[in-house]
Amino acid sequence: MSIWIFFKLLGSLALLMFGMKTMSEALQKMAGPQLRHVLGAMTTNRFTGSLTGMFVTAAVQSSTATTVMTVSFVNAGLLTLAQAISVIMGANIGTTLTAWIMSAGMSFDITSAVYPAFFLGIILIYLKKHRYIGDFLFGISFLLLGLGTLRATGTEMHLGENQALLDFFASFDNNSFFTTLVFLLLGGIMTFAVQSSAAVMAITMILCSSGALPIYQGIALVMGENIGTTVTSNLAALSANTQARRAALAHMFFNVFGVVWVLFILHPFIDMVCGWVGYDVTMVKENVSSDVFLANAAKLSFVLAAFHTSFNVINTLILIWFIPQIEKFVCWVIKPKKVDEEEDFRLHFITSGIMKTPELSVLEAHKEIEIFSDRMQRMFSMVRELLTLSSTATGKNKANQETEFNKLFTRIEKYESISDNMELEIANYLDQVGDAHLSDETKAKIRAMLREISELESIGDSCYNMARTISRKYQGKEDHFTEAQYAHLHQMMELTNNSLTLMNKLMLGRKEAFDVNRTFNTENEINNYRNQLKQQNIIDVNNHEYTYAVGTIYMDLVNECEKLGDYVVNVVEARMGTRQREA
């Protein structure tokens, strides 16, 4: 084989893989949030979950994309792990559509048809309005061009006439279980090495359809590819959270279980699939003409696709009844990490390493911001608790309460550091995602998210400022607040906490169902109450109800609550996509 043919083979595989990636990303951009809504709404039971996973994966041509979206829903509490497993089972069926596209590309010369598609695609890309359709056309054209070139290269290599290759495959006994295991392992290693099951499937189809590789060994490669692709996702999920690792393990269990039962009936099963397609398993090259043999071998790409589909469909029909047991098994194998999630700074989603497309990366960042938002409300609750402790630290219990006060203040300090780190980490991640080719909708989401995390970090700063003010008064020699002042502060903090609750309700829900006027009304209440307390403070200081120094600290806390309320409104406006109001 000349070096030119070798590079032609590698280049056609590269075209194939790039086409798959481009096509999948374009489809996801076209579908956008609708796919996520479909996944969330149509998984009411294991059967609808499997159908949803199948159709979504067939639509976006990426089982990884479907799996990642599913895992994110599990972490968000929108799906149970059992529902996620059913979706993943369906995704395994949906991804077999790729094999059918490839088998068609291997059987017919379609390279001439891709050039008009390239021309139409570039026009649509420059029109901008329909550029995602143009991206899709480019992707599928590259895919088909890669397949056509691969097919032509395979013919040019005369693999079916390469005696050394034929002798190598002939050295393996087709009826030997050991041979099946060898090719099973080889398929898994190849898939893991090239990180593309599509590329391995294409190589297998070339070898089989040229007559060089017997069908039984080719099927073993396909089964190995099924396992190899799950090894990749399991390794990627090692740094992810517990639910992501469980979902990845369930995916591996599904495919390994399927391979195990197929091994017991491998030859009868393959013969049955060959019968469906019309391939003659008994045909020997020496007994027929070359044209007849090659015509028969050309059907093998469809045999591989039919096997791939029937294997996953039957496996799903078997295992769908045992989803609760699979869930218990993966939960038993993968125990949750025993860490204090509240005190542990760790990004739960965007460090998992299993993201494949920018559109889905934005979804994961969205979930991370939800955690950030909830953490800031917990931080504010600690500030309220700190104020309560500062008012009750008297008498015999003062030493114990002072220890508790200092411990709580230290926690608030740690939360302030966490909020700074979260803003920085999420912003850096969104910057990396923003470098990719994104839809206008996704670019707008990234801009809104950057504003959200900036305002959330400001909420953390406000909480820390209040904690420092309370601590300074607690440690100093100033008089205590009066009962009326404590009551007013608690009332102001209650209003502020209400605004934080509304903000988190928006973060966790859909903005279409959120009444933004409730946030604005709460903000107006906070502003009016601040103005009322400011006037009352001047009167009380003049009437010597308390000292000017105490009044200053008191108003510092009131003003900080009002500022925090402004930050909350900014977060809500960023999420709703409205303009920032004039201060």
Protein backbone atom coordinates (compact mmCIF):
# COMPACT_ATOMS: atom_id res chain seq x y z
CA MET A 1 0.00 0.00 0.00
CA SER A 2 1.52 3.34 -1.07
CA ILE A 3 1.92 6.22 1.39
CA TRP A 4 -0.57 8.24 -0.73
CA ILE A 5 -3.35 5.69 -0.24
CA PHE A 6 -2.55 5.52 3.48
CA PHE A 7 -2.95 9.28 3.90
CA LYS A 8 -6.07 9.20 1.73
CA LEU A 9 -7.51 6.65 4.16
CA LEU A 10 -6.64 8.79 7.19
CA GLY A 11 -7.96 11.94 5.52
CA SER A 12 -11.28 10.33 4.60
CA LEU A 13 -11.69 9.15 8.23
CA ALA A 14 -10.92 12.70 9.41
CA LEU A 15 -13.57 14.06 6.99
CA LEU A 16 -16.06 11.52 8.32
CA MET A 17 -15.43 12.42 11.98
CA PHE A 18 -15.49 16.18 11.29
CA GLY A 19 -18.72 15.82 9.33
CA MET A 20 -20.37 13.92 12.19
CA LYS A 21 -19.28 16.58 14.69
CA THR A 22 -20.39 19.52 12.51
CA MET A 23 -23.74 17.92 11.68
CA SER A 24 -24.46 17.08 15.34
CA GLU A 25 -23.58 20.60 16.55
CA ALA A 26 -25.67 22.24 13.82
CA LEU A 27 -28.70 20.10 14.70
CA GLN A 28 -28.32 20.98 18.37
CA LYS A 29 -28.16 24.69 17.53
CA MET A 30 -31.29 24.42 15.38
CA ALA A 31 -33.18 22.52 18.06
CA GLY A 32 -31.86 24.67 20.92
CA PRO A 33 -33.81 24.58 24.19
CA GLN A 34 -36.71 22.69 22.58
CA LEU A 35 -34.72 19.45 22.89
CA ARG A 36 -34.16 20.06 26.58
CA HIS A 37 -37.86 20.78 27.11
CA VAL A 38 -38.77 17.57 25.25
CA LEU A 39 -36.39 15.56 27.44
CA GLY A 40 -37.85 17.10 30.58
CA ALA A 41 -41.50 16.67 29.59
CA MET A 42 -41.60 13.31 27.82
CA THR A 43 -40.01 11.04 30.40
CA THR A 44 -43.05 10.30 32.55
CA ASN A 45 -42.27 6.56 32.56
CA ARG A 46 -39.59 4.14 31.36
CA PHE A 47 -41.23 3.59 27.95
CA THR A 48 -41.73 7.25 27.04
CA GLY A 49 -38.24 7.90 28.40
CA SER A 50 -36.73 5.33 26.03
CA LEU A 51 -38.70 6.68 23.06
CA THR A 52 -37.64 10.22 23.90
CA GLY A 53 -33.98 9.22 24.16
CA MET A 54 -34.25 7.40 20.83
CA PHE A 55 -35.87 10.26 18.89
CA VAL A 56 -33.70 13.00 20.42
CA THR A 57 -30.51 11.06 19.68
CA ALA A 58 -31.63 10.28 16.13
CA ALA A 59 -32.36 14.00 15.69
CA VAL A 60 -29.03 15.34 16.97
CA GLN A 61 -26.95 12.33 15.86
CA SER A 62 -25.14 12.20 19.21
CA SER A 63 -25.88 9.79 22.05
CA THR A 64 -23.27 11.68 24.11
CA ALA A 65 -25.28 14.90 23.76
CA THR A 66 -28.46 13.16 24.90
CA THR A 67 -26.68 11.48 27.81
CA VAL A 68 -25.12 14.75 28.99
CA MET A 69 -28.46 16.58 28.87
CA THR A 70 -30.08 13.70 30.76
CA VAL A 71 -27.43 13.73 33.50
CA SER A 72 -27.84 17.49 33.93
CA PHE A 73 -31.60 16.99 34.43
CA VAL A 74 -30.92 14.35 37.07
CA ASN A 75 -28.69 16.77 38.96
CA ALA A 76 -31.27 19.52 38.65
CA GLY A 77 -33.92 17.21 40.11
CA LEU A 78 -36.02 17.24 36.92
CA LEU A 79 -35.47 13.52 36.30
CA THR A 80 -34.86 10.57 38.56
CA LEU A 81 -31.87 8.33 37.89
CA ALA A 82 -34.30 5.59 36.79
CA GLN A 83 -35.82 7.90 34.16
CA ALA A 84 -32.32 8.88 33.02
CA ILE A 85 -31.41 5.21 32.53
CA SER A 86 -34.46 4.73 30.31
CA VAL A 87 -33.46 7.75 28.20
CA ILE A 88 -29.91 6.39 27.86
CA MET A 89 -31.33 3.04 26.69
CA GLY A 90 -33.31 4.87 24.02
CA ALA A 91 -30.22 6.87 23.05
CA ASN A 92 -28.44 3.60 22.26
CA ILE A 93 -31.16 2.80 19.73
CA GLY A 94 -31.19 6.33 18.26
CA THR A 95 -27.45 6.34 17.66
CA THR A 96 -27.75 3.29 15.35
CA LEU A 97 -29.18 5.63 12.69
CA THR A 98 -25.57 6.69 12.09
CA ALA A 99 -24.70 3.13 11.00
CA TRP A 100 -27.55 3.15 8.45
CA ILE A 101 -26.36 6.47 7.00
CA MET A 102 -22.86 5.04 6.73
CA SER A 103 -24.03 1.77 5.17
CA ALA A 104 -25.88 3.78 2.51
CA GLY A 105 -22.72 5.79 1.89
CA MET A 106 -20.71 2.59 1.55
CA SER A 107 -23.15 1.00 -0.89
CA PHE A 108 -23.74 3.87 -3.31
CA ASP A 109 -21.46 6.45 -4.87
CA ILE A 110 -22.86 9.65 -3.41
CA THR A 111 -19.82 11.92 -3.61
CA SER A 112 -21.13 13.73 -6.71
CA ALA A 113 -24.30 14.73 -4.83
CA VAL A 114 -22.40 16.51 -2.04
CA TYR A 115 -21.02 19.35 -4.18
CA PRO A 116 -24.41 21.03 -4.80
CA ALA A 117 -25.02 20.65 -1.04
CA PHE A 118 -21.71 22.42 -0.32
CA PHE A 119 -22.69 25.27 -2.66
CA LEU A 120 -26.17 25.61 -1.13
CA GLY A 121 -24.68 25.37 2.36
CA ILE A 122 -22.23 28.26 1.86
CA ILE A 123 -25.06 30.47 0.51
CA LEU A 124 -27.17 29.73 3.61
CA ILE A 125 -24.21 30.39 5.93
CA TYR A 126 -23.63 33.83 4.38
CA LEU A 127 -27.35 34.61 4.60
CA LYS A 128 -26.90 34.25 8.41
CA LYS A 129 -30.62 33.81 9.03
CA HIS A 130 -30.39 30.16 7.93
CA ARG A 131 -26.73 29.56 8.72
CA TYR A 132 -27.47 26.59 11.00
CA ILE A 133 -29.12 24.80 8.08
CA GLY A 134 -26.00 25.67 6.09
CA ASP A 135 -23.81 24.24 8.87
CA PHE A 136 -25.90 21.07 8.82
CA LEU A 137 -25.56 20.75 5.04
CA PHE A 138 -21.80 21.21 5.32
CA GLY A 139 -21.64 18.61 8.08
CA ILE A 140 -23.62 15.93 6.27
CA SER A 141 -21.76 16.73 3.03
CA PHE A 142 -18.40 16.23 4.73
CA LEU A 143 -19.75 13.01 6.26
CA LEU A 144 -20.90 11.65 2.90
CA LEU A 145 -17.75 12.86 1.13
CA GLY A 146 -15.65 11.11 3.76
CA LEU A 147 -17.68 7.93 3.31
CA GLY A 148 -17.45 8.10 -0.47
CA THR A 149 -13.70 8.70 -0.36
CA LEU A 150 -13.32 5.90 2.16
CA ARG A 151 -15.29 3.58 -0.11
CA ALA A 152 -13.21 4.54 -3.14
CA THR A 153 -9.98 4.12 -1.16
CA GLY A 154 -11.08 0.69 0.00
CA THR A 155 -11.74 -0.32 -3.61
CA GLU A 156 -8.41 1.15 -4.66
CA MET A 157 -6.60 -0.83 -1.98
CA HIS A 158 -8.07 -4.12 -3.30
CA LEU A 159 -8.39 -5.44 0.24
CA GLY A 160 -10.32 -8.47 -0.94
CA GLU A 161 -7.36 -9.45 -3.12
CA ASN A 162 -4.64 -8.71 -0.56
CA GLN A 163 -3.38 -12.21 0.19
CA ALA A 164 -1.45 -11.19 3.31
CA LEU A 165 -4.58 -9.60 4.81
CA LEU A 166 -6.75 -12.55 3.77
CA ASP A 167 -4.28 -14.99 5.31
CA PHE A 168 -4.20 -12.97 8.53
CA PHE A 169 -7.99 -13.08 8.98
CA ALA A 170 -8.08 -16.71 7.79
CA SER A 171 -5.68 -17.62 10.60
CA PHE A 172 -8.56 -17.04 13.03
CA ASP A 173 -11.17 -19.78 13.36
CA ASN A 174 -14.63 -18.28 12.73
CA ASN A 175 -16.25 -20.83 15.02
CA SER A 176 -13.82 -20.22 17.89
CA PHE A 177 -15.08 -18.33 20.95
CA PHE A 178 -11.50 -17.11 21.48
CA THR A 179 -11.53 -15.42 18.05
CA THR A 180 -14.73 -13.57 18.93
CA LEU A 181 -13.17 -12.35 22.20
CA VAL A 182 -10.01 -11.19 20.39
CA PHE A 183 -11.96 -9.08 17.90
CA LEU A 184 -14.30 -7.87 20.64
CA LEU A 185 -11.28 -6.57 22.57
CA LEU A 186 -9.76 -5.13 19.40
CA GLY A 187 -12.97 -3.21 18.63
CA GLY A 188 -13.06 -1.76 22.15
CA ILE A 189 -9.39 -0.70 22.03
CA MET A 190 -9.76 0.90 18.58
CA THR A 191 -12.84 2.88 19.67
CA PHE A 192 -11.11 4.04 22.83
CA ALA A 193 -7.98 5.00 20.87
CA VAL A 194 -9.65 7.06 18.12
CA GLN A 195 -12.47 8.36 20.40
CA SER A 196 -15.01 7.76 17.64
CA SER A 197 -17.28 4.75 17.27
CA ALA A 198 -18.29 6.09 13.84
CA ALA A 199 -14.71 5.84 12.59
CA VAL A 200 -14.35 2.24 13.80
CA MET A 201 -17.72 1.35 12.25
CA ALA A 202 -16.55 2.84 8.93
CA ILE A 203 -13.30 0.82 9.01
CA THR A 204 -15.26 -2.35 9.80
CA MET A 205 -17.65 -1.71 6.91
CA ILE A 206 -14.73 -1.18 4.49
CA LEU A 207 -13.05 -4.42 5.56
CA CYS A 208 -16.28 -6.45 5.41
CA SER A 209 -17.70 -5.09 2.18
CA SER A 210 -14.37 -5.66 0.39
CA GLY A 211 -14.58 -9.34 1.32
CA ALA A 212 -11.42 -9.25 3.45
CA LEU A 213 -13.04 -9.53 6.89
CA PRO A 214 -15.55 -12.33 7.63
CA ILE A 215 -18.89 -11.14 8.99
CA TYR A 216 -18.55 -12.95 12.32
CA GLN A 217 -15.32 -11.12 13.11
CA GLY A 218 -16.80 -7.84 11.85
CA ILE A 219 -19.77 -8.20 14.21
CA ALA A 220 -17.34 -8.85 17.08
CA LEU A 221 -15.61 -5.54 16.25
CA VAL A 222 -19.00 -3.76 16.35
CA MET A 223 -19.78 -5.25 19.77
CA GLY A 224 -16.36 -4.16 21.01
CA GLU A 225 -17.07 -0.67 19.70
CA ASN A 226 -20.27 -0.63 21.81
CA ILE A 227 -18.23 -1.28 24.95
CA GLY A 228 -15.31 0.98 23.95
CA THR A 229 -17.53 4.03 23.66
CA THR A 230 -18.84 3.51 27.22
CA VAL A 231 -15.29 3.18 28.62
CA THR A 232 -14.58 6.66 27.26
CA SER A 233 -17.65 8.16 28.98
CA ASN A 234 -16.85 6.40 32.27
CA LEU A 235 -13.29 7.73 32.30
CA ALA A 236 -14.59 11.22 31.47
CA ALA A 237 -17.08 10.99 34.34
CA LEU A 238 -14.45 10.11 36.95
CA SER A 239 -14.12 13.77 37.94
CA ALA A 240 -17.88 14.37 37.73
CA ASN A 241 -20.48 14.24 40.47
CA THR A 242 -22.06 11.07 41.81
CA GLN A 243 -25.12 11.03 39.54
CA ALA A 244 -23.05 11.54 36.38
CA ARG A 245 -20.81 8.61 37.32
CA ARG A 246 -23.86 6.44 38.04
CA ALA A 247 -25.43 7.29 34.68
CA ALA A 248 -22.14 6.48 32.89
CA LEU A 249 -21.91 3.15 34.74
CA ALA A 250 -25.54 2.32 33.82
CA HIS A 251 -24.63 2.99 30.17
CA MET A 252 -21.69 0.59 30.42
CA PHE A 253 -23.78 -2.04 32.20
CA PHE A 254 -26.39 -1.85 29.42
CA ASN A 255 -23.85 -2.53 26.67
CA VAL A 256 -21.79 -5.13 28.55
CA PHE A 257 -24.94 -7.08 29.48
CA GLY A 258 -26.05 -7.01 25.83
CA VAL A 259 -22.70 -8.30 24.59
CA VAL A 260 -22.74 -11.13 27.17
CA TRP A 261 -26.12 -12.54 26.11
CA VAL A 262 -25.38 -12.10 22.40
CA LEU A 263 -22.17 -14.13 22.77
CA PHE A 264 -24.25 -17.20 23.73
CA ILE A 265 -26.28 -17.07 20.50
CA LEU A 266 -23.85 -15.14 18.31
CA HIS A 267 -23.78 -17.29 15.14
CA PRO A 268 -27.55 -18.02 14.99
CA PHE A 269 -28.26 -14.34 15.67
CA ILE A 270 -25.88 -13.18 12.91
CA ASP A 271 -27.32 -15.76 10.48
CA MET A 272 -30.81 -14.44 11.24
CA VAL A 273 -29.76 -10.82 10.52
CA CYS A 274 -27.97 -11.92 7.33
CA GLY A 275 -31.21 -13.60 6.23
CA TRP A 276 -33.14 -10.35 6.73
CA VAL A 277 -30.68 -8.41 4.57
CA GLY A 278 -30.31 -11.16 1.94
CA TYR A 279 -26.62 -11.88 2.49
CA ASP A 280 -25.48 -15.43 1.70
CA VAL A 281 -23.32 -16.57 4.63
CA THR A 282 -22.33 -19.83 2.91
CA MET A 283 -20.90 -18.23 -0.23
CA VAL A 284 -17.20 -19.02 -0.75
CA LYS A 285 -15.02 -16.86 -3.00
CA GLU A 286 -13.48 -19.83 -4.82
CA ASN A 287 -16.87 -21.25 -5.86
CA VAL A 288 -18.32 -18.16 -7.55
CA SER A 289 -17.18 -15.41 -9.86
CA SER A 290 -15.48 -12.34 -8.44
CA ASP A 291 -18.42 -10.05 -9.36
CA VAL A 292 -20.97 -12.26 -7.62
CA PHE A 293 -18.80 -12.53 -4.52
CA LEU A 294 -18.23 -8.77 -4.29
CA ALA A 295 -21.95 -8.05 -4.88
CA ASN A 296 -22.77 -10.35 -1.99
CA ALA A 297 -20.03 -8.78 0.19
CA ALA A 298 -21.37 -5.28 -0.57
CA LYS A 299 -24.47 -6.17 1.48
CA LEU A 300 -22.33 -6.57 4.61
CA SER A 301 -22.47 -2.87 5.48
CA PHE A 302 -26.27 -3.25 5.78
CA VAL A 303 -25.78 -6.45 7.82
CA LEU A 304 -23.61 -4.51 10.30
CA ALA A 305 -26.20 -1.70 10.53
CA ALA A 306 -29.06 -4.19 10.95
CA PHE A 307 -27.16 -6.09 13.64
CA HIS A 308 -26.32 -2.86 15.47
CA THR A 309 -29.98 -1.79 15.51
CA SER A 310 -31.49 -5.19 16.37
CA PHE A 311 -28.89 -5.72 19.13
CA ASN A 312 -29.76 -2.42 20.85
CA VAL A 313 -33.53 -2.80 20.35
CA ILE A 314 -33.63 -6.33 21.82
CA ASN A 315 -31.27 -5.34 24.64
CA THR A 316 -33.55 -2.42 25.52
CA LEU A 317 -36.68 -4.62 25.41
CA ILE A 318 -34.98 -6.99 27.88
CA LEU A 319 -33.49 -4.47 30.31
CA ILE A 320 -36.30 -1.90 30.34
CA TRP A 321 -38.16 -4.16 32.81
CA PHE A 322 -35.20 -4.14 35.20
CA ILE A 323 -34.48 -0.40 35.42
CA PRO A 324 -35.16 -0.24 39.23
CA GLN A 325 -32.69 -3.09 39.76
CA ILE A 326 -30.07 -1.39 37.54
CA GLU A 327 -30.57 1.82 39.52
CA LYS A 328 -30.00 -0.01 42.82
CA PHE A 329 -26.92 -1.71 41.38
CA VAL A 330 -25.21 1.52 40.20
CA CYS A 331 -26.12 3.26 43.49
CA TRP A 332 -24.59 0.33 45.39
CA VAL A 333 -21.39 0.42 43.31
CA ILE A 334 -20.97 4.21 43.37
CA LYS A 335 -21.49 5.67 46.83
CA PRO A 336 -21.85 9.44 47.25
CA LYS A 337 -18.74 11.24 48.42
CA LYS A 338 -18.90 12.08 52.10
CA VAL A 339 -18.11 15.78 51.95
CA ASP A 340 -19.86 18.80 53.36
CA GLU A 341 -21.29 20.16 50.12
CA GLU A 342 -22.08 23.46 51.82
CA GLU A 343 -18.48 24.07 52.86
CA ASP A 344 -16.83 22.44 49.85
CA PHE A 345 -15.87 24.72 46.98
CA ARG A 346 -16.26 22.49 43.97
CA LEU A 347 -17.95 23.21 40.67
CA HIS A 348 -20.45 20.37 40.34
CA PHE A 349 -21.08 20.41 36.61
CA ILE A 350 -18.59 22.22 34.42
CA THR A 351 -15.47 20.38 35.58
CA SER A 352 -16.85 16.95 34.64
CA GLY A 353 -14.96 16.79 31.35
CA ILE A 354 -17.84 15.12 29.48
CA MET A 355 -19.07 18.18 27.63
CA LYS A 356 -18.96 17.84 23.85
CA THR A 357 -20.61 20.95 22.41
CA PRO A 358 -20.75 24.64 23.42
CA GLU A 359 -24.57 24.59 23.45
CA LEU A 360 -24.57 21.90 26.13
CA SER A 361 -21.69 23.56 27.99
CA VAL A 362 -23.94 26.59 28.47
CA LEU A 363 -26.63 24.35 29.97
CA GLU A 364 -24.12 23.00 32.51
CA ALA A 365 -22.95 26.53 33.37
CA HIS A 366 -26.62 27.42 33.88
CA LYS A 367 -26.91 24.65 36.51
CA GLU A 368 -23.73 25.89 38.20
CA ILE A 369 -25.19 29.39 38.50
CA GLU A 370 -28.29 27.90 40.15
CA ILE A 371 -26.02 26.45 42.86
CA PHE A 372 -24.21 29.80 43.16
CA SER A 373 -27.52 31.62 43.64
CA ASP A 374 -28.76 29.18 46.27
CA ARG A 375 -25.44 29.41 48.12
CA MET A 376 -25.75 33.20 48.34
CA GLN A 377 -29.16 32.90 50.00
CA ARG A 378 -27.69 30.45 52.52
CA MET A 379 -24.94 32.98 53.19
CA PHE A 380 -27.54 35.68 53.87
CA SER A 381 -29.34 33.33 56.27
CA MET A 382 -26.07 33.03 58.20
CA VAL A 383 -25.88 36.83 58.45
CA ARG A 384 -29.39 36.89 59.93
CA GLU A 385 -28.35 34.21 62.41
CA LEU A 386 -25.23 36.25 63.27
CA LEU A 387 -27.39 39.29 64.07
CA THR A 388 -29.56 37.15 66.36
CA LEU A 389 -26.47 35.81 68.19
CA SER A 390 -25.11 39.33 68.66
CA SER A 391 -28.33 40.35 70.41
CA THR A 392 -28.48 37.40 72.83
CA ALA A 393 -24.83 37.06 73.95
CA THR A 394 -25.27 38.06 77.60
CA GLY A 395 -24.89 36.56 81.06
CA LYS A 396 -23.50 33.08 81.79
CA ASN A 397 -23.86 31.86 78.22
CA LYS A 398 -21.79 34.69 76.80
CA ALA A 399 -18.57 32.62 76.46
CA ASN A 400 -20.35 29.78 74.63
CA GLN A 401 -22.24 32.16 72.38
CA GLU A 402 -19.07 34.12 71.63
CA THR A 403 -17.47 30.88 70.39
CA GLU A 404 -20.55 30.17 68.29
CA PHE A 405 -20.54 33.76 66.98
CA ASN A 406 -16.87 33.54 65.90
CA LYS A 407 -17.45 30.13 64.29
CA LEU A 408 -20.39 31.46 62.28
CA PHE A 409 -18.47 34.58 61.24
CA THR A 410 -15.61 32.35 60.01
CA ARG A 411 -18.12 30.37 57.90
CA ILE A 412 -19.41 33.60 56.36
CA GLU A 413 -15.82 34.61 55.54
CA LYS A 414 -15.32 31.24 53.85
CA TYR A 415 -18.53 31.72 51.84
CA GLU A 416 -17.28 35.12 50.66
CA SER A 417 -14.11 33.46 49.40
CA ILE A 418 -16.19 30.73 47.74
CA SER A 419 -18.35 33.32 45.96
CA ASP A 420 -15.21 35.02 44.57
CA ASN A 421 -13.85 31.69 43.33
CA MET A 422 -17.17 30.63 41.81
CA GLU A 423 -17.48 33.89 39.88
CA LEU A 424 -13.94 33.53 38.55
CA GLU A 425 -14.24 29.83 37.61
CA ILE A 426 -17.63 30.18 35.89
CA ALA A 427 -16.52 33.35 34.06
CA ASN A 428 -13.36 31.65 32.78
CA TYR A 429 -15.40 28.67 31.63
CA LEU A 430 -17.93 30.86 29.81
CA ASP A 431 -15.08 32.75 28.15
CA GLN A 432 -13.72 29.46 26.79
CA VAL A 433 -17.19 28.45 25.56
CA GLY A 434 -17.62 31.89 24.00
CA ASP A 435 -14.61 31.30 21.77
CA ALA A 436 -16.55 28.62 19.88
CA HIS A 437 -18.95 29.11 16.96
CA LEU A 438 -22.25 29.77 18.75
CA SER A 439 -25.82 30.63 17.89
CA ASP A 440 -26.98 34.21 18.59
CA GLU A 441 -29.30 32.88 21.28
CA THR A 442 -26.41 31.14 23.06
CA LYS A 443 -24.19 34.23 22.80
CA ALA A 444 -26.95 36.27 24.47
CA LYS A 445 -27.23 33.63 27.20
CA ILE A 446 -23.50 33.83 27.90
CA ARG A 447 -23.64 37.62 28.19
CA ALA A 448 -26.58 37.32 30.60
CA MET A 449 -24.78 34.64 32.63
CA LEU A 450 -21.65 36.78 32.99
CA ARG A 451 -23.83 39.59 34.33
CA GLU A 452 -25.63 37.17 36.66
CA ILE A 453 -22.46 35.84 38.28
CA SER A 454 -21.08 39.36 38.71
CA GLU A 455 -24.25 40.44 40.55
CA LEU A 456 -24.32 37.21 42.60
CA GLU A 457 -20.75 37.86 43.72
CA SER A 458 -21.85 41.38 44.72
CA ILE A 459 -24.59 39.79 46.86
CA GLY A 460 -21.85 37.78 48.58
CA ASP A 461 -19.86 40.98 49.16
CA SER A 462 -22.93 42.65 50.70
CA CYS A 463 -23.49 39.69 53.02
CA TYR A 464 -19.84 39.81 54.10
CA ASN A 465 -20.01 43.59 54.64
CA MET A 466 -23.04 43.11 56.92
CA ALA A 467 -21.27 40.31 58.81
CA ARG A 468 -18.20 42.51 59.34
CA THR A 469 -20.38 45.39 60.55
CA ILE A 470 -22.19 43.11 63.03
CA SER A 471 -18.85 41.64 64.18
CA ARG A 472 -17.28 45.10 64.60
CA LYS A 473 -20.17 46.20 66.80
CA TYR A 474 -20.16 42.88 68.71
CA GLN A 475 -16.43 43.09 69.42
CA GLY A 476 -16.50 46.84 70.15
CA LYS A 477 -17.69 48.87 73.11
CA GLU A 478 -20.75 50.41 71.53
CA ASP A 479 -24.13 49.94 73.18
CA HIS A 480 -26.48 47.23 71.94
CA PHE A 481 -29.19 48.05 69.46
CA THR A 482 -32.55 48.83 71.02
CA GLU A 483 -35.34 46.28 70.76
CA ALA A 484 -37.01 48.49 68.14
CA GLN A 485 -33.81 48.57 66.08
CA TYR A 486 -33.47 44.78 66.20
CA ALA A 487 -37.12 44.44 65.16
CA HIS A 488 -36.60 46.85 62.25
CA LEU A 489 -33.43 45.07 61.13
CA HIS A 490 -35.13 41.66 61.22
CA GLN A 491 -38.05 43.09 59.24
CA MET A 492 -35.68 44.58 56.64
CA MET A 493 -33.78 41.28 56.39
CA GLU A 494 -37.06 39.39 55.99
CA LEU A 495 -37.95 41.59 52.99
CA THR A 496 -34.45 41.08 51.55
CA ASN A 497 -34.70 37.32 52.04
CA ASN A 498 -38.05 37.36 50.21
CA SER A 499 -36.38 38.97 47.22
CA LEU A 500 -33.63 36.28 47.31
CA THR A 501 -36.30 33.57 47.43
CA LEU A 502 -37.98 35.03 44.33
CA MET A 503 -34.61 35.17 42.57
CA ASN A 504 -33.92 31.49 43.28
CA LYS A 505 -37.43 30.57 42.17
CA LEU A 506 -36.62 32.16 38.80
CA MET A 507 -33.22 30.44 38.63
CA LEU A 508 -34.73 27.00 39.17
CA GLY A 509 -37.82 27.47 36.99
CA ARG A 510 -38.69 28.72 33.53
CA LYS A 511 -38.70 32.48 33.05
CA GLU A 512 -41.94 32.33 31.02
CA ALA A 513 -43.79 31.30 34.20
CA PHE A 514 -42.13 33.93 36.42
CA ASP A 515 -43.89 37.17 37.42
CA VAL A 516 -41.06 39.72 37.39
CA ASN A 517 -43.33 42.39 38.92
CA ARG A 518 -43.21 40.55 42.25
CA THR A 519 -39.45 41.18 42.40
CA PHE A 520 -39.88 44.85 41.51
CA ASN A 521 -42.64 45.24 44.12
CA THR A 522 -40.45 43.67 46.81
CA GLU A 523 -37.59 45.99 45.82
CA ASN A 524 -39.93 49.01 46.16
CA GLU A 525 -40.95 47.78 49.62
CA ILE A 526 -37.27 47.54 50.62
CA ASN A 527 -36.55 51.07 49.30
CA ASN A 528 -39.58 52.58 51.05
CA TYR A 529 -38.76 50.82 54.32
CA ARG A 530 -35.13 52.03 54.07
CA ASN A 531 -36.32 55.63 53.61
CA GLN A 532 -38.71 55.26 56.53
CA LEU A 533 -35.99 53.87 58.83
CA LYS A 534 -33.55 56.60 57.72
CA GLN A 535 -35.98 59.33 58.79
CA GLN A 536 -36.81 57.51 62.03
CA ASN A 537 -33.10 57.10 62.81
CA ILE A 538 -32.51 60.87 62.65
CA ILE A 539 -35.42 61.45 65.03
CA ASP A 540 -34.26 58.73 67.48
CA VAL A 541 -30.66 60.04 67.58
CA ASN A 542 -31.93 63.59 68.23
CA ASN A 543 -34.16 62.22 71.01
CA HIS A 544 -31.13 60.39 72.51
CA GLU A 545 -32.78 56.96 72.11
CA TYR A 546 -29.27 55.71 71.22
CA THR A 547 -25.90 57.20 70.29
CA TYR A 548 -24.92 58.53 66.89
CA ALA A 549 -22.31 55.73 66.58
CA VAL A 550 -24.96 53.04 67.14
CA GLY A 551 -27.26 54.79 64.66
CA THR A 552 -24.49 54.83 62.03
CA ILE A 553 -23.87 51.06 62.37
CA TYR A 554 -27.62 50.47 62.31
CA MET A 555 -28.07 52.43 59.07
CA ASP A 556 -25.03 50.72 57.52
CA LEU A 557 -26.86 47.40 57.87
CA VAL A 558 -30.11 48.86 56.52
CA ASN A 559 -28.37 50.40 53.51
CA GLU A 560 -26.46 47.19 52.79
CA CYS A 561 -29.77 45.29 52.71
CA GLU A 562 -31.12 47.82 50.23
CA LYS A 563 -28.01 47.46 48.04
CA LEU A 564 -28.35 43.68 48.17
CA GLY A 565 -31.94 44.05 46.97
CA ASP A 566 -30.66 46.06 43.98
CA TYR A 567 -28.23 43.27 43.10
CA VAL A 568 -31.09 40.77 43.23
CA VAL A 569 -33.10 42.87 40.77
CA ASN A 570 -30.07 43.00 38.46
CA VAL A 571 -29.78 39.19 38.53
CA VAL A 572 -33.50 38.84 37.75
CA GLU A 573 -33.28 41.34 34.88
CA ALA A 574 -30.24 39.52 33.45
CA ARG A 575 -32.09 36.18 33.55
CA MET A 576 -35.28 37.67 32.08
CA GLY A 577 -33.34 39.48 29.35
CA THR A 578 -34.53 42.97 30.29
CA ARG A 579 -32.50 46.15 30.52
CA GLN A 580 -30.95 47.32 33.74
CA ARG A 581 -33.15 49.91 35.39
CA GLU A 582 -31.89 53.34 36.28
CA ALA A 583 -30.65 53.48 39.87
